[in-house]
PDB file of N, CA and C in Angstrom:
ATOM      1  N   UNK A   1     -96.177 -91.574  54.407  1.00  0.00           N
ATOM      2  CA  UNK A   1     -95.305 -92.990  54.366  1.00  0.00           C
ATOM      3  C   UNK A   1     -94.831 -92.786  55.784  1.00  0.00           C
ATOM      4  N   UNK A   2     -94.009 -91.707  56.592  1.00  0.00           N
ATOM      5  CA  UNK A   2     -93.781 -91.737  57.449  1.00  0.00           C
ATOM      6  C   UNK A   2     -95.013 -92.422  58.790  1.00  0.00           C
ATOM      7  N   UNK A   3     -96.127 -91.654  58.535  1.00  0.00           N
ATOM      8  CA  UNK A   3     -97.057 -92.273  59.504  1.00  0.00           C
ATOM      9  C   UNK A   3     -97.459 -93.748  59.321  1.00  0.00           C
ATOM     10  N   UNK A   4     -97.173 -94.159  58.380  1.00  0.00           N
ATOM     11  CA  UNK A   4     -97.560 -95.699  58.377  1.00  0.00           C
ATOM     12  C   UNK A   4     -96.251 -96.398  58.489  1.00  0.00           C
ATOM     13  N   UNK A   5     -95.039 -95.955  58.509  1.00  0.00           N
ATOM     14  CA  UNK A   5     -93.819 -96.486  58.885  1.00  0.00           C
ATOM     15  C   UNK A   5     -93.928 -96.464  60.763  1.00  0.00           C
ATOM     16  N   UNK A   6     -94.490 -95.503  61.439  1.00  0.00           N
ATOM     17  CA  UNK A   6     -94.479 -95.294  62.601  1.00  0.00           C
ATOM     18  C   UNK A   6     -95.356 -95.936  63.400  1.00  0.00           C
ATOM     19  N   UNK A   7     -96.608 -96.194  62.497  1.00  0.00           N
ATOM     20  CA  UNK A   7     -97.941 -97.178  62.714  1.00  0.00           C
ATOM     21  C   UNK A   7     -97.382 -98.604  62.420  1.00  0.00           C
ATOM     22  N   UNK A   8     -96.643 -98.989  61.900  1.00  0.00           N
ATOM     23  CA  UNK A   8     -96.232-100.371  61.620  1.00  0.00           C
ATOM     24  C   UNK A   8     -95.242-100.658  62.872  1.00  0.00           C
ATOM     25  N   UNK A   9     -94.063 -99.632  63.279  1.00  0.00           N
ATOM     26  CA  UNK A   9     -92.993-100.010  64.225  1.00  0.00           C
ATOM     27  C   UNK A   9     -94.024-100.112  65.945  1.00  0.00           C
ATOM     28  N   UNK A  10     -95.305 -99.430  66.124  1.00  0.00           N
ATOM     29  CA  UNK A  10     -96.059 -99.487  67.267  1.00  0.00           C
ATOM     30  C   UNK A  10     -96.597-100.606  67.132  1.00  0.00           C
ATOM     31  N   UNK A  11     -97.183-101.043  66.172  1.00  0.00           N
ATOM     32  CA  UNK A  11     -97.873-102.411  66.205  1.00  0.00           C
ATOM     33  C   UNK A  11     -97.162-103.764  66.427  1.00  0.00           C
ATOM     34  N   UNK A  12     -95.658-103.691  65.934  1.00  0.00           N
ATOM     35  CA  UNK A  12     -94.761-104.395  66.039  1.00  0.00           C
ATOM     36  C   UNK A  12     -94.229-104.770  67.453  1.00  0.00           C
ATOM     37  N   UNK A  13     -94.167-103.327  68.154  1.00  0.00           N
ATOM     38  CA  UNK A  13     -93.483-103.431  69.243  1.00  0.00           C
ATOM     39  C   UNK A  13     -94.588-103.699  70.257  1.00  0.00           C
ATOM     40  N   UNK A  14     -95.781-103.598  69.871  1.00  0.00           N
ATOM     41  CA  UNK A  14     -97.077-104.217  70.755  1.00  0.00           C
ATOM     42  C   UNK A  14     -96.830-105.628  70.657  1.00  0.00           C
ATOM     43  N   UNK A  15     -96.588-106.365  69.444  1.00  0.00           N
ATOM     44  CA  UNK A  15     -96.744-107.907  69.015  1.00  0.00           C
ATOM     45  C   UNK A  15     -95.489-108.354  70.161  1.00  0.00           C
ATOM     46  N   UNK A  16     -94.249-107.754  70.135  1.00  0.00           N
ATOM     47  CA  UNK A  16     -92.902-108.220  70.802  1.00  0.00           C
ATOM     48  C   UNK A  16     -93.638-108.083  72.219  1.00  0.00           C
ATOM     49  N   UNK A  17     -93.943-107.239  72.794  1.00  0.00           N
ATOM     50  CA  UNK A  17     -94.450-107.196  73.985  1.00  0.00           C
ATOM     51  C   UNK A  17     -95.139-108.043  74.533  1.00  0.00           C
ATOM     52  N   UNK A  18     -96.359-108.516  73.821  1.00  0.00           N
ATOM     53  CA  UNK A  18     -97.397-109.453  74.244  1.00  0.00           C
ATOM     54  C   UNK A  18     -96.687-111.272  74.263  1.00  0.00           C
ATOM     55  N   UNK A  19     -95.690-111.327  72.814  1.00  0.00           N
ATOM     56  CA  UNK A  19     -95.275-112.240  73.286  1.00  0.00           C
ATOM     57  C   UNK A  19     -94.183-112.349  74.244  1.00  0.00           C
ATOM     58  N   UNK A  20     -93.660-111.598  74.675  1.00  0.00           N
ATOM     59  CA  UNK A  20     -92.519-111.899  76.296  1.00  0.00           C
ATOM     60  C   UNK A  20     -93.634-112.075  77.390  1.00  0.00           C
ATOM     61  N   UNK A  21     -94.985-111.819  77.407  1.00  0.00           N
ATOM     62  CA  UNK A  21     -95.997-112.048  78.529  1.00  0.00           C
ATOM     63  C   UNK A  21     -95.954-114.019  78.352  1.00  0.00           C
ATOM     64  N   UNK A  22     -96.107-114.336  77.306  1.00  0.00           N
ATOM     65  CA  UNK A  22     -96.805-115.677  77.091  1.00  0.00           C
ATOM     66  C   UNK A  22     -95.671-116.525  77.579  1.00  0.00           C
ATOM     67  N   UNK A  23     -95.848-117.672  78.270  1.00  0.00           N
ATOM     68  CA  UNK A  23     -94.890-118.809  79.062  1.00  0.00           C
ATOM     69  C   UNK A  23     -95.694-120.141  78.395  1.00  0.00           C
ATOM     70  N   UNK A  24     -94.857-120.614  77.473  1.00  0.00           N
ATOM     71  CA  UNK A  24     -95.299-121.801  76.473  1.00  0.00           C
ATOM     72  C   UNK A  24     -95.331-123.225  77.665  1.00  0.00           C
ATOM     73  N   UNK A  25     -96.464-123.730  77.810  1.00  0.00           N
ATOM     74  CA  UNK A  25     -96.400-124.724  78.657  1.00  0.00           C
ATOM     75  C   UNK A  25     -96.262-126.431  77.953  1.00  0.00           C
ATOM     76  N   UNK A  26     -96.120-126.002  76.316  1.00  0.00           N
ATOM     77  CA  UNK A  26     -96.278-127.072  75.710  1.00  0.00           C
ATOM     78  C   UNK A  26     -94.822-128.052  75.978  1.00  0.00           C
ATOM     79  N   UNK A  27     -94.894-128.571  76.733  1.00  0.00           N
ATOM     80  CA  UNK A  27     -93.299-129.047  77.125  1.00  0.00           C
ATOM     81  C   UNK A  27     -93.741-130.832  76.888  1.00  0.00           C
ATOM     82  N   UNK A  28     -92.796-131.473  76.260  1.00  0.00           N
ATOM     83  CA  UNK A  28     -92.769-132.931  76.290  1.00  0.00           C
ATOM     84  C   UNK A  28     -92.836-133.807  77.312  1.00  0.00           C
ATOM     85  N   UNK A  29     -93.584-134.927  76.972  1.00  0.00           N
ATOM     86  CA  UNK A  29     -93.898-135.597  78.465  1.00  0.00           C
ATOM     87  C   UNK A  29     -92.651-136.739  78.526  1.00  0.00           C
ATOM     88  N   UNK A  30     -91.651-136.014  78.923  1.00  0.00           N
ATOM     89  CA  UNK A  30     -90.284-137.176  78.730  1.00  0.00           C
ATOM     90  C   UNK A  30     -89.551-136.863  80.267  1.00  0.00           C
ATOM     91  N   UNK A  31     -89.358-138.287  80.946  1.00  0.00           N
ATOM     92  CA  UNK A  31     -88.457-137.909  82.005  1.00  0.00           C
ATOM     93  C   UNK A  31     -86.909-137.527  82.188  1.00  0.00           C
ATOM     94  N   UNK A  32     -86.602-136.370  82.057  1.00  0.00           N
ATOM     95  CA  UNK A  32     -85.501-136.014  82.055  1.00  0.00           C
ATOM     96  C   UNK A  32     -85.142-135.017  83.294  1.00  0.00           C
ATOM     97  N   UNK A  33     -85.105-135.180  84.520  1.00  0.00           N
ATOM     98  CA  UNK A  33     -85.001-134.470  85.780  1.00  0.00           C
ATOM     99  C   UNK A  33     -83.890-133.258  85.658  1.00  0.00           C
ATOM    100  N   UNK A  34     -84.326-132.559  86.156  1.00  0.00           N
ATOM    101  CA  UNK A  34     -83.038-131.280  86.492  1.00  0.00           C
ATOM    102  C   UNK A  34     -83.449-130.588  87.995  1.00  0.00           C
ATOM    103  N   UNK A  35     -82.425-130.409  88.785  1.00  0.00           N
ATOM    104  CA  UNK A  35     -82.945-129.845  89.717  1.00  0.00           C
ATOM    105  C   UNK A  35     -82.269-128.398  89.958  1.00  0.00           C
ATOM    106  N   UNK A  36     -83.541-127.623  90.769  1.00  0.00           N
ATOM    107  CA  UNK A  36     -83.409-126.207  90.801  1.00  0.00           C
ATOM    108  C   UNK A  36     -83.056-125.356  92.117  1.00  0.00           C
ATOM    109  N   UNK A  37     -82.754-124.452  92.705  1.00  0.00           N
ATOM    110  CA  UNK A  37     -82.795-124.263  93.669  1.00  0.00           C
ATOM    111  C   UNK A  37     -82.903-122.308  93.877  1.00  0.00           C
ATOM    112  N   UNK A  38     -84.167-122.001  94.871  1.00  0.00           N
ATOM    113  CA  UNK A  38     -84.073-120.583  94.742  1.00  0.00           C
ATOM    114  C   UNK A  38     -83.607-119.640  95.841  1.00  0.00           C
ATOM    115  N   UNK A  39     -82.723-120.213  96.138  1.00  0.00           N
ATOM    116  CA  UNK A  39     -82.218-119.499  97.668  1.00  0.00           C
ATOM    117  C   UNK A  39     -82.378-120.103  99.109  1.00  0.00           C
ATOM    118  N   UNK A  40     -83.644-120.943  98.704  1.00  0.00           N
ATOM    119  CA  UNK A  40     -84.409-121.098 100.323  1.00  0.00           C
ATOM    120  C   UNK A  40     -84.392-122.454 100.288  1.00  0.00           C
ATOM    121  N   UNK A  41     -85.006-123.360  98.734  1.00  0.00           N
ATOM    122  CA  UNK A  41     -85.260-124.850  98.733  1.00  0.00           C
ATOM    123  C   UNK A  41     -84.889-125.219  97.447  1.00  0.00           C
ATOM    124  N   UNK A  42     -84.725-126.686  97.598  1.00  0.00           N
ATOM    125  CA  UNK A  42     -84.505-127.135  96.183  1.00  0.00           C
ATOM    126  C   UNK A  42     -85.736-127.896  95.391  1.00  0.00           C
ATOM    127  N   UNK A  43     -85.919-128.007  94.011  1.00  0.00           N
ATOM    128  CA  UNK A  43     -87.036-128.349  93.593  1.00  0.00           C
ATOM    129  C   UNK A  43     -86.569-129.210  92.757  1.00  0.00           C
ATOM    130  N   UNK A  44     -87.262-130.444  92.322  1.00  0.00           N
ATOM    131  CA  UNK A  44     -86.598-131.287  91.060  1.00  0.00           C
ATOM    132  C   UNK A  44     -87.881-130.838  90.178  1.00  0.00           C
ATOM    133  N   UNK A  45     -87.366-130.846  89.128  1.00  0.00           N
ATOM    134  CA  UNK A  45     -88.025-130.680  87.921  1.00  0.00           C
ATOM    135  C   UNK A  45     -88.351-131.532  86.827  1.00  0.00           C
ATOM    136  N   UNK A  46     -89.592-131.752  86.210  1.00  0.00           N
ATOM    137  CA  UNK A  46     -89.790-133.608  85.385  1.00  0.00           C
ATOM    138  C   UNK A  46     -88.502-133.172  84.358  1.00  0.00           C
ATOM    139  N   UNK A  47     -88.090-132.398  83.646  1.00  0.00           N
ATOM    140  CA  UNK A  47     -87.571-131.941  82.378  1.00  0.00           C
ATOM    141  C   UNK A  47     -87.160-130.464  82.540  1.00  0.00           C
ATOM    142  N   UNK A  48     -86.128-129.885  81.590  1.00  0.00           N
ATOM    143  CA  UNK A  48     -85.864-128.801  81.503  1.00  0.00           C
ATOM    144  C   UNK A  48     -86.941-127.699  80.641  1.00  0.00           C
ATOM    145  N   UNK A  49     -87.292-128.005  80.248  1.00  0.00           N
ATOM    146  CA  UNK A  49     -88.937-127.582  79.436  1.00  0.00           C
ATOM    147  C   UNK A  49     -89.609-127.114  80.275  1.00  0.00           C
ATOM    148  N   UNK A  50     -89.985-128.287  81.177  1.00  0.00           N
ATOM    149  CA  UNK A  50     -90.858-127.541  82.826  1.00  0.00           C
ATOM    150  C   UNK A  50     -90.038-126.681  83.323  1.00  0.00           C
ATOM    151  N   UNK A  51     -89.005-126.539  83.935  1.00  0.00           N
ATOM    152  CA  UNK A  51     -88.186-125.891  84.323  1.00  0.00           C
ATOM    153  C   UNK A  51     -88.419-124.634  83.930  1.00  0.00           C
ATOM    154  N   UNK A  52     -87.832-124.314  82.293  1.00  0.00           N
ATOM    155  CA  UNK A  52     -88.121-122.868  81.842  1.00  0.00           C
ATOM    156  C   UNK A  52     -89.492-122.386  82.107  1.00  0.00           C
ATOM    157  N   UNK A  53     -90.443-123.155  81.976  1.00  0.00           N
ATOM    158  CA  UNK A  53     -92.076-122.924  82.022  1.00  0.00           C
ATOM    159  C   UNK A  53     -91.899-122.028  83.270  1.00  0.00           C
ATOM    160  N   UNK A  54     -91.705-123.208  84.420  1.00  0.00           N
ATOM    161  CA  UNK A  54     -92.171-122.563  85.602  1.00  0.00           C
ATOM    162  C   UNK A  54     -91.025-121.463  86.058  1.00  0.00           C
ATOM    163  N   UNK A  55     -90.358-120.929  85.295  1.00  0.00           N
ATOM    164  CA  UNK A  55     -89.015-120.007  85.726  1.00  0.00           C
ATOM    165  C   UNK A  55     -89.971-118.824  84.812  1.00  0.00           C
ATOM    166  N   UNK A  56     -90.451-118.936  83.772  1.00  0.00           N
ATOM    167  CA  UNK A  56     -90.986-117.987  82.799  1.00  0.00           C
ATOM    168  C   UNK A  56     -92.500-117.584  84.156  1.00  0.00           C
ATOM    169  N   UNK A  57     -93.128-118.479  84.300  1.00  0.00           N
ATOM    170  CA  UNK A  57     -94.172-118.059  85.434  1.00  0.00           C
ATOM    171  C   UNK A  57     -93.851-117.374  86.495  1.00  0.00           C
ATOM    172  N   UNK A  58     -92.842-117.719  87.121  1.00  0.00           N
ATOM    173  CA  UNK A  58     -92.363-116.997  88.462  1.00  0.00           C
ATOM    174  C   UNK A  58     -91.822-115.707  87.968  1.00  0.00           C
ATOM    175  N   UNK A  59     -91.245-115.428  86.776  1.00  0.00           N
ATOM    176  CA  UNK A  59     -91.015-114.027  86.588  1.00  0.00           C
ATOM    177  C   UNK A  59     -91.864-113.302  86.356  1.00  0.00           C
ATOM    178  N   UNK A  60     -93.025-113.719  85.579  1.00  0.00           N
ATOM    179  CA  UNK A  60     -94.016-112.855  85.000  1.00  0.00           C
ATOM    180  C   UNK A  60     -95.225-112.162  86.465  1.00  0.00           C
ATOM    181  N   UNK A  61     -94.622-113.574  87.339  1.00  0.00           N
ATOM    182  CA  UNK A  61     -95.580-112.824  88.631  1.00  0.00           C
ATOM    183  C   UNK A  61     -94.803-112.323  89.745  1.00  0.00           C
ATOM    184  N   UNK A  62     -93.426-111.711  89.052  1.00  0.00           N
ATOM    185  CA  UNK A  62     -92.741-111.397  90.130  1.00  0.00           C
ATOM    186  C   UNK A  62     -92.203-112.203  91.562  1.00  0.00           C
ATOM    187  N   UNK A  63     -92.125-113.281  91.406  1.00  0.00           N
ATOM    188  CA  UNK A  63     -91.707-114.361  92.342  1.00  0.00           C
ATOM    189  C   UNK A  63     -90.274-114.759  92.127  1.00  0.00           C
ATOM    190  N   UNK A  64     -89.956-115.266  93.415  1.00  0.00           N
ATOM    191  CA  UNK A  64     -88.350-115.834  93.590  1.00  0.00           C
ATOM    192  C   UNK A  64     -88.516-116.699  92.199  1.00  0.00           C
ATOM    193  N   UNK A  65     -87.489-116.985  91.680  1.00  0.00           N
ATOM    194  CA  UNK A  65     -86.897-117.910  90.340  1.00  0.00           C
ATOM    195  C   UNK A  65     -86.031-118.689  91.001  1.00  0.00           C
ATOM    196  N   UNK A  66     -85.903-120.043  90.389  1.00  0.00           N
ATOM    197  CA  UNK A  66     -84.665-121.036  90.578  1.00  0.00           C
ATOM    198  C   UNK A  66     -83.620-120.945  89.779  1.00  0.00           C
ATOM    199  N   UNK A  67     -82.667-121.243  90.423  1.00  0.00           N
ATOM    200  CA  UNK A  67     -81.390-121.420  89.271  1.00  0.00           C
ATOM    201  C   UNK A  67     -81.362-123.194  89.231  1.00  0.00           C
ATOM    202  N   UNK A  68     -80.804-123.210  87.981  1.00  0.00           N
ATOM    203  CA  UNK A  68     -80.444-124.575  87.622  1.00  0.00           C
ATOM    204  C   UNK A  68     -79.188-125.374  88.408  1.00  0.00           C
ATOM    205  N   UNK A  69     -79.501-126.094  89.141  1.00  0.00           N
ATOM    206  CA  UNK A  69     -78.178-126.714  89.842  1.00  0.00           C
ATOM    207  C   UNK A  69     -77.519-127.469  89.367  1.00  0.00           C
ATOM    208  N   UNK A  70     -78.237-128.797  88.900  1.00  0.00           N
ATOM    209  CA  UNK A  70     -77.782-129.878  88.587  1.00  0.00           C
ATOM    210  C   UNK A  70     -78.804-130.355  87.377  1.00  0.00           C
ATOM    211  N   UNK A  71     -78.226-130.982  86.052  1.00  0.00           N
ATOM    212  CA  UNK A  71     -79.224-131.685  84.980  1.00  0.00           C
ATOM    213  C   UNK A  71     -79.266-133.170  85.367  1.00  0.00           C
ATOM    214  N   UNK A  72     -79.930-133.301  86.491  1.00  0.00           N
ATOM    215  CA  UNK A  72     -80.333-134.941  87.177  1.00  0.00           C
ATOM    216  C   UNK A  72     -81.206-134.538  88.216  1.00  0.00           C
ATOM    217  N   UNK A  73     -81.464-135.587  88.858  1.00  0.00           N
ATOM    218  CA  UNK A  73     -82.338-135.344  90.057  1.00  0.00           C
ATOM    219  C   UNK A  73     -81.517-135.018  91.088  1.00  0.00           C
ATOM    220  N   UNK A  74     -82.412-134.025  91.640  1.00  0.00           N
ATOM    221  CA  UNK A  74     -81.755-133.630  92.930  1.00  0.00           C
ATOM    222  C   UNK A  74     -81.567-134.682  93.972  1.00  0.00           C
ATOM    223  N   UNK A  75     -80.428-134.506  94.426  1.00  0.00           N
ATOM    224  CA  UNK A  75     -79.602-135.855  95.253  1.00  0.00           C
ATOM    225  C   UNK A  75     -80.062-135.552  96.875  1.00  0.00           C
ATOM    226  N   UNK A  76     -79.583-136.350  97.563  1.00  0.00           N
ATOM    227  CA  UNK A  76     -80.162-136.662  98.929  1.00  0.00           C
ATOM    228  C   UNK A  76     -79.484-134.898  99.494  1.00  0.00           C
ATOM    229  N   UNK A  77     -78.514-134.528  99.309  1.00  0.00           N
ATOM    230  CA  UNK A  77     -77.928-133.410  99.905  1.00  0.00           C
ATOM    231  C   UNK A  77     -78.666-132.315  99.564  1.00  0.00           C
ATOM    232  N   UNK A  78     -79.429-132.161  98.447  1.00  0.00           N
ATOM    233  CA  UNK A  78     -80.350-131.040  98.365  1.00  0.00           C
ATOM    234  C   UNK A  78     -81.411-130.885  99.216  1.00  0.00           C
ATOM    235  N   UNK A  79     -81.207-130.337 100.145  1.00  0.00           N
ATOM    236  CA  UNK A  79     -82.100-129.911 101.254  1.00  0.00           C
ATOM    237  C   UNK A  79     -82.119-128.231 101.798  1.00  0.00           C
ATOM    238  N   UNK A  80     -82.863-127.840 102.098  1.00  0.00           N
ATOM    239  CA  UNK A  80     -84.220-128.638 102.069  1.00  0.00           C
ATOM    240  C   UNK A  80     -85.108-128.476 100.807  1.00  0.00           C
ATOM    241  N   UNK A  81     -86.227-129.248 100.754  1.00  0.00           N
ATOM    242  CA  UNK A  81     -87.027-129.446  99.502  1.00  0.00           C
ATOM    243  C   UNK A  81     -88.154-128.423  99.709  1.00  0.00           C
ATOM    244  N   UNK A  82     -88.591-128.046  98.655  1.00  0.00           N
ATOM    245  CA  UNK A  82     -89.705-126.966  98.265  1.00  0.00           C
ATOM    246  C   UNK A  82     -90.911-127.702  97.998  1.00  0.00           C
ATOM    247  N   UNK A  83     -92.123-127.476  98.700  1.00  0.00           N
ATOM    248  CA  UNK A  83     -93.461-128.065  98.590  1.00  0.00           C
ATOM    249  C   UNK A  83     -93.923-127.207  97.389  1.00  0.00           C
ATOM    250  N   UNK A  84     -94.741-128.109  96.584  1.00  0.00           N
ATOM    251  CA  UNK A  84     -95.049-127.492  95.280  1.00  0.00           C
ATOM    252  C   UNK A  84     -96.423-126.437  95.645  1.00  0.00           C
ATOM    253  N   UNK A  85     -97.169-126.322  96.773  1.00  0.00           N
ATOM    254  CA  UNK A  85     -97.984-125.259  96.982  1.00  0.00           C
ATOM    255  C   UNK A  85     -97.277-124.310  97.473  1.00  0.00           C
ATOM    256  N   UNK A  86     -96.446-124.230  98.023  1.00  0.00           N
ATOM    257  CA  UNK A  86     -95.295-122.930  98.690  1.00  0.00           C
ATOM    258  C   UNK A  86     -94.711-122.367  97.379  1.00  0.00           C
ATOM    259  N   UNK A  87     -94.225-123.114  96.324  1.00  0.00           N
ATOM    260  CA  UNK A  87     -93.661-122.473  95.432  1.00  0.00           C
ATOM    261  C   UNK A  87     -94.389-122.129  94.190  1.00  0.00           C
ATOM    262  N   UNK A  88     -95.223-123.180  93.699  1.00  0.00           N
ATOM    263  CA  UNK A  88     -96.088-122.587  92.566  1.00  0.00           C
ATOM    264  C   UNK A  88     -97.491-121.893  92.893  1.00  0.00           C
ATOM    265  N   UNK A  89     -97.105-120.670  93.594  1.00  0.00           N
ATOM    266  CA  UNK A  89     -98.553-120.093  93.998  1.00  0.00           C
ATOM    267  C   UNK A  89     -99.006-119.051  92.768  1.00  0.00           C
ATOM    268  N   UNK A  90     -98.737-119.469  91.806  1.00  0.00           N
ATOM    269  CA  UNK A  90     -99.104-117.990  90.654  1.00  0.00           C
ATOM    270  C   UNK A  90     -99.950-118.291  90.102  1.00  0.00           C
ATOM    271  N   UNK A  91    -100.834-119.217  90.287  1.00  0.00           N
ATOM    272  CA  UNK A  91    -102.228-119.574  90.195  1.00  0.00           C
ATOM    273  C   UNK A  91    -103.163-119.748  90.995  1.00  0.00           C
ATOM    274  N   UNK A  92    -104.655-120.167  90.678  1.00  0.00           N
ATOM    275  CA  UNK A  92    -105.324-120.555  91.735  1.00  0.00           C
ATOM    276  C   UNK A  92    -105.167-121.950  92.291  1.00  0.00           C
ATOM    277  N   UNK A  93    -105.581-122.244  93.637  1.00  0.00           N
ATOM    278  CA  UNK A  93    -104.849-123.281  93.944  1.00  0.00           C
ATOM    279  C   UNK A  93    -106.458-124.603  93.886  1.00  0.00           C
ATOM    280  N   UNK A  94    -106.121-125.664  93.547  1.00  0.00           N
ATOM    281  CA  UNK A  94    -107.231-126.560  92.403  1.00  0.00           C
ATOM    282  C   UNK A  94    -107.527-127.142  94.189  1.00  0.00           C
TER     283      UNK A  94
END
């Protein structure tokens, strides 16, 4: 009986660890922009879901994450702007 409980606990721990490695890209195609800053530059994200997804990918790849600055478009004072290529380097470039 104890062996089965230990086995179930181990299986549960593996499932939880795998779930934490997954970043969901299932975001609505709604333009509700947010502005983020990573300590070097500002970037506008299409919506909060996209922001969260990119943060997950950056964290997963041990890259600098963004902090949410404002829940709207980046204003003209939010400079310098990040280029997509420089920031989103967690996958092969197309």
